PDB file of N, CA and C in Angstrom:
ATOM      1  N   MET A   1     -47.829  11.246 -25.407  1.00  0.00           N
ATOM      2  CA  MET A   1     -46.504  11.687 -25.048  1.00  0.00           C
ATOM      3  C   MET A   1     -46.566  12.986 -24.261  1.00  0.00           C
ATOM      4  N   GLY A   2     -47.591  13.733 -24.396  1.00  0.00           N
ATOM      5  CA  GLY A   2     -47.692  14.982 -23.654  1.00  0.00           C
ATOM      6  C   GLY A   2     -47.165  16.153 -24.453  1.00  0.00           C
ATOM      7  N   ARG A   3     -47.233  17.297 -23.853  1.00  0.00           N
ATOM      8  CA  ARG A   3     -46.775  18.508 -24.524  1.00  0.00           C
ATOM      9  C   ARG A   3     -45.338  18.807 -24.166  1.00  0.00           C
ATOM     10  N   TYR A   4     -44.625  19.345 -25.143  1.00  0.00           N
ATOM     11  CA  TYR A   4     -43.244  19.740 -24.913  1.00  0.00           C
ATOM     12  C   TYR A   4     -42.960  20.894 -25.856  1.00  0.00           C
ATOM     13  N   SER A   5     -42.523  21.991 -25.310  1.00  0.00           N
ATOM     14  CA  SER A   5     -42.177  23.143 -26.119  1.00  0.00           C
ATOM     15  C   SER A   5     -40.802  22.898 -26.723  1.00  0.00           C
ATOM     16  N   TRP A   6     -40.750  22.693 -28.047  1.00  0.00           N
ATOM     17  CA  TRP A   6     -39.489  22.351 -28.695  1.00  0.00           C
ATOM     18  C   TRP A   6     -38.612  23.594 -28.760  1.00  0.00           C
ATOM     19  N   PRO A   7     -37.406  23.537 -28.176  1.00  0.00           N
ATOM     20  CA  PRO A   7     -36.555  24.723 -28.117  1.00  0.00           C
ATOM     21  C   PRO A   7     -35.787  25.008 -29.406  1.00  0.00           C
ATOM     22  N   GLY A   8     -35.720  24.046 -30.313  1.00  0.00           N
ATOM     23  CA  GLY A   8     -34.886  24.213 -31.501  1.00  0.00           C
ATOM     24  C   GLY A   8     -35.696  24.480 -32.758  1.00  0.00           C
ATOM     25  N   ASN A   9     -35.036  24.359 -33.903  1.00  0.00           N
ATOM     26  CA  ASN A   9     -35.713  24.561 -35.180  1.00  0.00           C
ATOM     27  C   ASN A   9     -36.166  23.218 -35.748  1.00  0.00           C
ATOM     28  N   VAL A  10     -36.785  23.253 -36.926  1.00  0.00           N
ATOM     29  CA  VAL A  10     -37.342  22.044 -37.526  1.00  0.00           C
ATOM     30  C   VAL A  10     -36.239  21.037 -37.851  1.00  0.00           C
ATOM     31  N   ARG A  11     -35.092  21.497 -38.328  1.00  0.00           N
ATOM     32  CA  ARG A  11     -33.989  20.591 -38.644  1.00  0.00           C
ATOM     33  C   ARG A  11     -33.539  19.849 -37.388  1.00  0.00           C
ATOM     34  N   GLU A  12     -33.452  20.538 -36.254  1.00  0.00           N
ATOM     35  CA  GLU A  12     -33.062  19.886 -35.002  1.00  0.00           C
ATOM     36  C   GLU A  12     -34.110  18.863 -34.572  1.00  0.00           C
ATOM     37  N   LEU A  13     -35.371  19.168 -34.815  1.00  0.00           N
ATOM     38  CA  LEU A  13     -36.444  18.226 -34.495  1.00  0.00           C
ATOM     39  C   LEU A  13     -36.315  16.982 -35.368  1.00  0.00           C
ATOM     40  N   GLU A  14     -36.058  17.180 -36.664  1.00  0.00           N
ATOM     41  CA  GLU A  14     -35.885  16.038 -37.561  1.00  0.00           C
ATOM     42  C   GLU A  14     -34.720  15.156 -37.111  1.00  0.00           C
ATOM     43  N   HIS A  15     -33.615  15.758 -36.744  1.00  0.00           N
ATOM     44  CA  HIS A  15     -32.450  14.992 -36.295  1.00  0.00           C
ATOM     45  C   HIS A  15     -32.760  14.254 -35.002  1.00  0.00           C
ATOM     46  N   SER A  16     -33.543  14.877 -34.128  1.00  0.00           N
ATOM     47  CA  SER A  16     -33.904  14.218 -32.878  1.00  0.00           C
ATOM     48  C   SER A  16     -34.803  13.019 -33.131  1.00  0.00           C
ATOM     49  N   ILE A  17     -35.701  13.136 -34.097  1.00  0.00           N
ATOM     50  CA  ILE A  17     -36.585  12.013 -34.440  1.00  0.00           C
ATOM     51  C   ILE A  17     -35.753  10.874 -35.036  1.00  0.00           C
ATOM     52  N   GLU A  18     -34.821  11.217 -35.947  1.00  0.00           N
ATOM     53  CA  GLU A  18     -33.953  10.191 -36.527  1.00  0.00           C
ATOM     54  C   GLU A  18     -33.136   9.485 -35.449  1.00  0.00           C
ATOM     55  N   ARG A  19     -32.615  10.254 -34.510  1.00  0.00           N
ATOM     56  CA  ARG A  19     -31.837   9.696 -33.400  1.00  0.00           C
ATOM     57  C   ARG A  19     -32.717   8.786 -32.546  1.00  0.00           C
ATOM     58  N   ALA A  20     -33.949   9.228 -32.298  1.00  0.00           N
ATOM     59  CA  ALA A  20     -34.868   8.445 -31.474  1.00  0.00           C
ATOM     60  C   ALA A  20     -35.164   7.102 -32.113  1.00  0.00           C
ATOM     61  N   ILE A  21     -35.340   7.102 -33.440  1.00  0.00           N
ATOM     62  CA  ILE A  21     -35.608   5.845 -34.149  1.00  0.00           C
ATOM     63  C   ILE A  21     -34.413   4.907 -34.015  1.00  0.00           C
ATOM     64  N   ALA A  22     -33.218   5.469 -34.124  1.00  0.00           N
ATOM     65  CA  ALA A  22     -32.014   4.644 -33.977  1.00  0.00           C
ATOM     66  C   ALA A  22     -31.889   4.101 -32.553  1.00  0.00           C
ATOM     67  N   LEU A  23     -32.192   4.944 -31.562  1.00  0.00           N
ATOM     68  CA  LEU A  23     -32.086   4.511 -30.171  1.00  0.00           C
ATOM     69  C   LEU A  23     -33.151   3.490 -29.796  1.00  0.00           C
ATOM     70  N   ALA A  24     -34.308   3.587 -30.449  1.00  0.00           N
ATOM     71  CA  ALA A  24     -35.396   2.658 -30.135  1.00  0.00           C
ATOM     72  C   ALA A  24     -35.024   1.239 -30.541  1.00  0.00           C
ATOM     73  N   GLY A  25     -34.101   1.117 -31.446  1.00  0.00           N
ATOM     74  CA  GLY A  25     -33.572  -0.201 -31.806  1.00  0.00           C
ATOM     75  C   GLY A  25     -34.609  -1.163 -32.326  1.00  0.00           C
ATOM     76  N   GLY A  26     -35.489  -0.729 -33.167  1.00  0.00           N
ATOM     77  CA  GLY A  26     -36.464  -1.626 -33.768  1.00  0.00           C
ATOM     78  C   GLY A  26     -37.741  -1.800 -32.962  1.00  0.00           C
ATOM     79  N   SER A  27     -37.854  -1.151 -31.816  1.00  0.00           N
ATOM     80  CA  SER A  27     -39.117  -1.269 -31.088  1.00  0.00           C
ATOM     81  C   SER A  27     -40.192  -0.505 -31.859  1.00  0.00           C
ATOM     82  N   GLU A  28     -41.421  -0.921 -31.699  1.00  0.00           N
ATOM     83  CA  GLU A  28     -42.505  -0.334 -32.477  1.00  0.00           C
ATOM     84  C   GLU A  28     -42.946   1.029 -31.953  1.00  0.00           C
ATOM     85  N   VAL A  29     -42.636   1.305 -30.691  1.00  0.00           N
ATOM     86  CA  VAL A  29     -43.116   2.538 -30.088  1.00  0.00           C
ATOM     87  C   VAL A  29     -41.934   3.376 -29.603  1.00  0.00           C
ATOM     88  N   LEU A  30     -41.935   4.633 -30.023  1.00  0.00           N
ATOM     89  CA  LEU A  30     -40.918   5.547 -29.520  1.00  0.00           C
ATOM     90  C   LEU A  30     -41.346   6.048 -28.148  1.00  0.00           C
ATOM     91  N   GLN A  31     -40.418   6.062 -27.238  1.00  0.00           N
ATOM     92  CA  GLN A  31     -40.680   6.568 -25.900  1.00  0.00           C
ATOM     93  C   GLN A  31     -40.134   7.990 -25.787  1.00  0.00           C
ATOM     94  N   ARG A  32     -40.622   8.698 -24.792  1.00  0.00           N
ATOM     95  CA  ARG A  32     -40.167  10.071 -24.534  1.00  0.00           C
ATOM     96  C   ARG A  32     -38.643  10.121 -24.406  1.00  0.00           C
ATOM     97  N   VAL A  33     -38.080   9.151 -23.724  1.00  0.00           N
ATOM     98  CA  VAL A  33     -36.636   9.137 -23.501  1.00  0.00           C
ATOM     99  C   VAL A  33     -35.872   8.993 -24.814  1.00  0.00           C
ATOM    100  N   HIS A  34     -36.448   8.336 -25.812  1.00  0.00           N
ATOM    101  CA  HIS A  34     -35.784   8.197 -27.106  1.00  0.00           C
ATOM    102  C   HIS A  34     -35.646   9.559 -27.793  1.00  0.00           C
ATOM    103  N   ILE A  35     -36.630  10.395 -27.644  1.00  0.00           N
ATOM    104  CA  ILE A  35     -36.633  11.697 -28.320  1.00  0.00           C
ATOM    105  C   ILE A  35     -35.911  12.761 -27.503  1.00  0.00           C
ATOM    106  N   LEU A  36     -36.198  12.817 -26.209  1.00  0.00           N
ATOM    107  CA  LEU A  36     -35.661  13.895 -25.389  1.00  0.00           C
ATOM    108  C   LEU A  36     -34.359  13.542 -24.692  1.00  0.00           C
ATOM    109  N   GLY A  37     -34.001  12.282 -24.656  1.00  0.00           N
ATOM    110  CA  GLY A  37     -32.767  11.876 -23.989  1.00  0.00           C
ATOM    111  C   GLY A  37     -32.790  12.224 -22.520  1.00  0.00           C
ATOM    112  N   SER A  38     -31.722  12.838 -22.039  1.00  0.00           N
ATOM    113  CA  SER A  38     -31.618  13.160 -20.613  1.00  0.00           C
ATOM    114  C   SER A  38     -32.598  14.239 -20.189  1.00  0.00           C
ATOM    115  N   LYS A  39     -33.177  14.969 -21.156  1.00  0.00           N
ATOM    116  CA  LYS A  39     -34.156  16.005 -20.811  1.00  0.00           C
ATOM    117  C   LYS A  39     -35.515  15.395 -20.474  1.00  0.00           C
ATOM    118  N   ALA A  40     -35.680  14.098 -20.748  1.00  0.00           N
ATOM    119  CA  ALA A  40     -36.963  13.450 -20.512  1.00  0.00           C
ATOM    120  C   ALA A  40     -37.285  13.335 -19.039  1.00  0.00           C
ATOM    121  N   VAL A  41     -36.254  13.175 -18.231  1.00  0.00           N
ATOM    122  CA  VAL A  41     -36.438  13.050 -16.791  1.00  0.00           C
ATOM    123  C   VAL A  41     -35.815  14.280 -16.145  1.00  0.00           C
ATOM    124  N   PRO A  42     -36.618  15.070 -15.433  1.00  0.00           N
ATOM    125  CA  PRO A  42     -36.043  16.261 -14.818  1.00  0.00           C
ATOM    126  C   PRO A  42     -34.913  15.897 -13.865  1.00  0.00           C
ATOM    127  N   ALA A  43     -33.830  16.638 -13.961  1.00  0.00           N
ATOM    128  CA  ALA A  43     -32.691  16.387 -13.078  1.00  0.00           C
ATOM    129  C   ALA A  43     -33.035  16.816 -11.666  1.00  0.00           C
ATOM    130  N   ARG A  44     -32.672  15.985 -10.717  1.00  0.00           N
ATOM    131  CA  ARG A  44     -32.897  16.346  -9.318  1.00  0.00           C
ATOM    132  C   ARG A  44     -31.704  17.108  -8.810  1.00  0.00           C
ATOM    133  N   ARG A  45     -31.987  18.093  -8.001  1.00  0.00           N
ATOM    134  CA  ARG A  45     -30.913  18.858  -7.404  1.00  0.00           C
ATOM    135  C   ARG A  45     -30.475  18.158  -6.133  1.00  0.00           C
ATOM    136  N   ALA A  46     -29.189  18.071  -5.971  1.00  0.00           N
ATOM    137  CA  ALA A  46     -28.647  17.446  -4.774  1.00  0.00           C
ATOM    138  C   ALA A  46     -28.903  18.348  -3.576  1.00  0.00           C
ATOM    139  N   ALA A  47     -29.273  17.743  -2.470  1.00  0.00           N
ATOM    140  CA  ALA A  47     -29.483  18.511  -1.248  1.00  0.00           C
ATOM    141  C   ALA A  47     -28.130  19.000  -0.753  1.00  0.00           C
ATOM    142  N   ARG A  48     -27.997  20.299  -0.625  1.00  0.00           N
ATOM    143  CA  ARG A  48     -26.714  20.863  -0.232  1.00  0.00           C
ATOM    144  C   ARG A  48     -26.802  21.643   1.061  1.00  0.00           C
ATOM    145  N   GLY A  49     -27.901  21.650   1.678  1.00  0.00           N
ATOM    146  CA  GLY A  49     -28.040  22.434   2.893  1.00  0.00           C
ATOM    147  C   GLY A  49     -28.702  23.771   2.598  1.00  0.00           C
ATOM    148  N   PRO A  50     -28.707  24.640   3.574  1.00  0.00           N
ATOM    149  CA  PRO A  50     -29.420  25.904   3.412  1.00  0.00           C
ATOM    150  C   PRO A  50     -28.741  26.819   2.387  1.00  0.00           C
ATOM    151  N   VAL A  51     -29.545  27.608   1.717  1.00  0.00           N
ATOM    152  CA  VAL A  51     -29.041  28.574   0.755  1.00  0.00           C
ATOM    153  C   VAL A  51     -28.497  29.767   1.530  1.00  0.00           C
ATOM    154  N   THR A  52     -27.378  30.302   1.077  1.00  0.00           N
ATOM    155  CA  THR A  52     -26.751  31.406   1.765  1.00  0.00           C
ATOM    156  C   THR A  52     -26.492  32.527   0.770  1.00  0.00           C
ATOM    157  N   THR A  53     -26.100  33.674   1.272  1.00  0.00           N
ATOM    158  CA  THR A  53     -25.784  34.779   0.379  1.00  0.00           C
ATOM    159  C   THR A  53     -24.415  34.535  -0.245  1.00  0.00           C
ATOM    160  N   LEU A  54     -24.157  35.179  -1.357  1.00  0.00           N
ATOM    161  CA  LEU A  54     -22.867  35.052  -2.010  1.00  0.00           C
ATOM    162  C   LEU A  54     -21.769  35.607  -1.120  1.00  0.00           C
ATOM    163  N   ARG A  55     -22.047  36.707  -0.453  1.00  0.00           N
ATOM    164  CA  ARG A  55     -21.055  37.315   0.446  1.00  0.00           C
ATOM    165  C   ARG A  55     -20.657  36.339   1.547  1.00  0.00           C
ATOM    166  N   ALA A  56     -21.641  35.665   2.154  1.00  0.00           N
ATOM    167  CA  ALA A  56     -21.349  34.712   3.226  1.00  0.00           C
ATOM    168  C   ALA A  56     -20.553  33.520   2.683  1.00  0.00           C
ATOM    169  N   ALA A  57     -20.878  33.081   1.478  1.00  0.00           N
ATOM    170  CA  ALA A  57     -20.159  31.956   0.883  1.00  0.00           C
ATOM    171  C   ALA A  57     -18.705  32.334   0.608  1.00  0.00           C
ATOM    172  N   VAL A  58     -18.484  33.549   0.108  1.00  0.00           N
ATOM    173  CA  VAL A  58     -17.122  34.015  -0.163  1.00  0.00           C
ATOM    174  C   VAL A  58     -16.341  34.126   1.141  1.00  0.00           C
ATOM    175  N   GLU A  59     -16.977  34.667   2.170  1.00  0.00           N
ATOM    176  CA  GLU A  59     -16.303  34.807   3.471  1.00  0.00           C
ATOM    177  C   GLU A  59     -15.888  33.450   4.012  1.00  0.00           C
ATOM    178  N   GLU A  60     -16.772  32.468   3.956  1.00  0.00           N
ATOM    179  CA  GLU A  60     -16.446  31.132   4.460  1.00  0.00           C
ATOM    180  C   GLU A  60     -15.314  30.511   3.646  1.00  0.00           C
ATOM    181  N   SER A  61     -15.351  30.715   2.353  1.00  0.00           N
ATOM    182  CA  SER A  61     -14.303  30.187   1.493  1.00  0.00           C
ATOM    183  C   SER A  61     -12.960  30.847   1.811  1.00  0.00           C
ATOM    184  N   GLU A  62     -12.964  32.166   1.981  1.00  0.00           N
ATOM    185  CA  GLU A  62     -11.730  32.880   2.310  1.00  0.00           C
ATOM    186  C   GLU A  62     -11.186  32.441   3.667  1.00  0.00           C
ATOM    187  N   LYS A  63     -12.054  32.299   4.652  1.00  0.00           N
ATOM    188  CA  LYS A  63     -11.611  31.847   5.978  1.00  0.00           C
ATOM    189  C   LYS A  63     -10.927  30.491   5.881  1.00  0.00           C
ATOM    190  N   GLY A  64     -11.568  29.570   5.153  1.00  0.00           N
ATOM    191  CA  GLY A  64     -10.997  28.238   4.995  1.00  0.00           C
ATOM    192  C   GLY A  64      -9.660  28.262   4.276  1.00  0.00           C
ATOM    193  N   ALA A  65      -9.564  29.079   3.233  1.00  0.00           N
ATOM    194  CA  ALA A  65      -8.309  29.166   2.477  1.00  0.00           C
ATOM    195  C   ALA A  65      -7.199  29.774   3.330  1.00  0.00           C
ATOM    196  N   ILE A  66      -7.531  30.787   4.107  1.00  0.00           N
ATOM    197  CA  ILE A  66      -6.532  31.422   4.974  1.00  0.00           C
ATOM    198  C   ILE A  66      -6.049  30.444   6.032  1.00  0.00           C
ATOM    199  N   ARG A  67      -6.977  29.748   6.674  1.00  0.00           N
ATOM    200  CA  ARG A  67      -6.585  28.768   7.694  1.00  0.00           C
ATOM    201  C   ARG A  67      -5.717  27.665   7.091  1.00  0.00           C
ATOM    202  N   ALA A  68      -6.102  27.196   5.901  1.00  0.00           N
ATOM    203  CA  ALA A  68      -5.328  26.130   5.253  1.00  0.00           C
ATOM    204  C   ALA A  68      -3.930  26.613   4.888  1.00  0.00           C
ATOM    205  N   ALA A  69      -3.828  27.841   4.401  1.00  0.00           N
ATOM    206  CA  ALA A  69      -2.512  28.383   4.035  1.00  0.00           C
ATOM    207  C   ALA A  69      -1.647  28.563   5.272  1.00  0.00           C
ATOM    208  N   LEU A  70      -2.240  29.039   6.360  1.00  0.00           N
ATOM    209  CA  LEU A  70      -1.483  29.200   7.600  1.00  0.00           C
ATOM    210  C   LEU A  70      -1.027  27.852   8.137  1.00  0.00           C
ATOM    211  N   ASP A  71      -1.885  26.845   8.060  1.00  0.00           N
ATOM    212  CA  ASP A  71      -1.493  25.500   8.486  1.00  0.00           C
ATOM    213  C   ASP A  71      -0.353  24.979   7.617  1.00  0.00           C
ATOM    214  N   HIS A  72      -0.471  25.191   6.320  1.00  0.00           N
ATOM    215  CA  HIS A  72       0.525  24.702   5.366  1.00  0.00           C
ATOM    216  C   HIS A  72       1.892  25.349   5.587  1.00  0.00           C
ATOM    217  N   THR A  73       1.890  26.618   5.998  1.00  0.00           N
ATOM    218  CA  THR A  73       3.147  27.349   6.173  1.00  0.00           C
ATOM    219  C   THR A  73       3.610  27.395   7.624  1.00  0.00           C
ATOM    220  N   GLY A  74       2.948  26.647   8.473  1.00  0.00           N
ATOM    221  CA  GLY A  74       3.337  26.640   9.880  1.00  0.00           C
ATOM    222  C   GLY A  74       3.083  27.970  10.568  1.00  0.00           C
ATOM    223  N   GLY A  75       2.087  28.697  10.109  1.00  0.00           N
ATOM    224  CA  GLY A  75       1.724  29.961  10.737  1.00  0.00           C
ATOM    225  C   GLY A  75       2.505  31.165  10.234  1.00  0.00           C
ATOM    226  N   ARG A  76       3.384  30.969   9.260  1.00  0.00           N
ATOM    227  CA  ARG A  76       4.172  32.078   8.727  1.00  0.00           C
ATOM    228  C   ARG A  76       3.307  32.880   7.754  1.00  0.00           C
ATOM    229  N   LYS A  77       2.955  34.086   8.179  1.00  0.00           N
ATOM    230  CA  LYS A  77       1.996  34.896   7.424  1.00  0.00           C
ATOM    231  C   LYS A  77       2.521  35.348   6.068  1.00  0.00           C
ATOM    232  N   ALA A  78       3.781  35.709   5.987  1.00  0.00           N
ATOM    233  CA  ALA A  78       4.345  36.156   4.707  1.00  0.00           C
ATOM    234  C   ALA A  78       4.268  35.033   3.672  1.00  0.00           C
ATOM    235  N   GLU A  79       4.597  33.821   4.093  1.00  0.00           N
ATOM    236  CA  GLU A  79       4.526  32.678   3.183  1.00  0.00           C
ATOM    237  C   GLU A  79       3.081  32.341   2.842  1.00  0.00           C
ATOM    238  N   ALA A  80       2.205  32.437   3.846  1.00  0.00           N
ATOM    239  CA  ALA A  80       0.784  32.154   3.605  1.00  0.00           C
ATOM    240  C   ALA A  80       0.213  33.135   2.583  1.00  0.00           C
ATOM    241  N   ALA A  81       0.585  34.407   2.721  1.00  0.00           N
ATOM    242  CA  ALA A  81       0.118  35.416   1.766  1.00  0.00           C
ATOM    243  C   ALA A  81       0.604  35.082   0.362  1.00  0.00           C
ATOM    244  N   LYS A  82       1.853  34.634   0.256  1.00  0.00           N
ATOM    245  CA  LYS A  82       2.413  34.270  -1.051  1.00  0.00           C
ATOM    246  C   LYS A  82       1.656  33.089  -1.642  1.00  0.00           C
ATOM    247  N   VAL A  83       1.369  32.088  -0.806  1.00  0.00           N
ATOM    248  CA  VAL A  83       0.612  30.912  -1.258  1.00  0.00           C
ATOM    249  C   VAL A  83      -0.775  31.322  -1.745  1.00  0.00           C
ATOM    250  N   LEU A  84      -1.389  32.261  -1.034  1.00  0.00           N
ATOM    251  CA  LEU A  84      -2.737  32.710  -1.384  1.00  0.00           C
ATOM    252  C   LEU A  84      -2.751  33.687  -2.560  1.00  0.00           C
ATOM    253  N   GLY A  85      -1.581  34.218  -2.908  1.00  0.00           N
ATOM    254  CA  GLY A  85      -1.518  35.159  -4.020  1.00  0.00           C
ATOM    255  C   GLY A  85      -2.007  36.555  -3.660  1.00  0.00           C
ATOM    256  N   ILE A  86      -1.872  36.921  -2.380  1.00  0.00           N
ATOM    257  CA  ILE A  86      -2.274  38.248  -1.918  1.00  0.00           C
ATOM    258  C   ILE A  86      -1.111  38.869  -1.149  1.00  0.00           C
ATOM    259  N   SER A  87      -1.227  40.155  -0.879  1.00  0.00           N
ATOM    260  CA  SER A  87      -0.171  40.831  -0.120  1.00  0.00           C
ATOM    261  C   SER A  87      -0.276  40.469   1.357  1.00  0.00           C
ATOM    262  N   ARG A  88       0.832  40.680   2.079  1.00  0.00           N
ATOM    263  CA  ARG A  88       0.804  40.445   3.533  1.00  0.00           C
ATOM    264  C   ARG A  88      -0.219  41.356   4.184  1.00  0.00           C
ATOM    265  N   LYS A  89      -0.293  42.607   3.715  1.00  0.00           N
ATOM    266  CA  LYS A  89      -1.246  43.566   4.277  1.00  0.00           C
ATOM    267  C   LYS A  89      -2.682  43.075   4.061  1.00  0.00           C
ATOM    268  N   ASN A  90      -2.948  42.574   2.860  1.00  0.00           N
ATOM    269  CA  ASN A  90      -4.285  42.074   2.567  1.00  0.00           C
ATOM    270  C   ASN A  90      -4.612  40.877   3.449  1.00  0.00           C
ATOM    271  N   LEU A  91      -3.636  39.987   3.643  1.00  0.00           N
ATOM    272  CA  LEU A  91      -3.838  38.836   4.529  1.00  0.00           C
ATOM    273  C   LEU A  91      -4.116  39.309   5.940  1.00  0.00           C
ATOM    274  N   TRP A  92      -3.330  40.258   6.415  1.00  0.00           N
ATOM    275  CA  TRP A  92      -3.504  40.776   7.768  1.00  0.00           C
ATOM    276  C   TRP A  92      -4.901  41.375   7.934  1.00  0.00           C
ATOM    277  N   GLU A  93      -5.357  42.155   6.932  1.00  0.00           N
ATOM    278  CA  GLU A  93      -6.679  42.779   7.007  1.00  0.00           C
ATOM    279  C   GLU A  93      -7.783  41.723   7.039  1.00  0.00           C
ATOM    280  N   LYS A  94      -7.654  40.674   6.219  1.00  0.00           N
ATOM    281  CA  LYS A  94      -8.663  39.619   6.194  1.00  0.00           C
ATOM    282  C   LYS A  94      -8.661  38.825   7.499  1.00  0.00           C
ATOM    283  N   MET A  95      -7.471  38.587   8.062  1.00  0.00           N
ATOM    284  CA  MET A  95      -7.407  37.867   9.330  1.00  0.00           C
ATOM    285  C   MET A  95      -8.069  38.687  10.432  1.00  0.00           C
ATOM    286  N   LYS A  96      -7.869  39.979  10.403  1.00  0.00           N
ATOM    287  CA  LYS A  96      -8.504  40.856  11.390  1.00  0.00           C
ATOM    288  C   LYS A  96     -10.019  40.856  11.185  1.00  0.00           C
ATOM    289  N   LEU A  97     -10.451  40.976   9.921  1.00  0.00           N
ATOM    290  CA  LEU A  97     -11.877  40.983   9.603  1.00  0.00           C
ATOM    291  C   LEU A  97     -12.568  39.704  10.060  1.00  0.00           C
ATOM    292  N   TYR A  98     -11.933  38.555   9.789  1.00  0.00           N
ATOM    293  CA  TYR A  98     -12.525  37.251  10.097  1.00  0.00           C
ATOM    294  C   TYR A  98     -12.140  36.743  11.482  1.00  0.00           C
ATOM    295  N   GLU A  99     -11.405  37.560  12.226  1.00  0.00           N
ATOM    296  CA  GLU A  99     -10.983  37.196  13.597  1.00  0.00           C
ATOM    297  C   GLU A  99     -10.237  35.863  13.617  1.00  0.00           C
ATOM    298  N   ILE A 100      -9.255  35.776  12.745  1.00  0.00           N
ATOM    299  CA  ILE A 100      -8.418  34.564  12.668  1.00  0.00           C
ATOM    300  C   ILE A 100      -7.129  34.854  13.402  1.00  0.00           C
TER     301      ILE A 100
END
């Protein structure tokens, strides 16, 4: 079965063994998946594109939200600011910063 550093205590190990026996459903051999469940197979990370800084991610998110709010309000900045939950001044400053 290989090595596995058990993260829990002995009681948790006992419960996992009992669960594995139940999941094995009468088979003579317990498999790794019976004991470890979803931890038996490492989860693959979905390809999401290049990694970016948190600041850049926040900026892109803010730009998108501002554009969407302006589209939703027909370009009316006071209403867009209200939809976004920020002041008109804050909206104006962000639009200037992001060149919107």
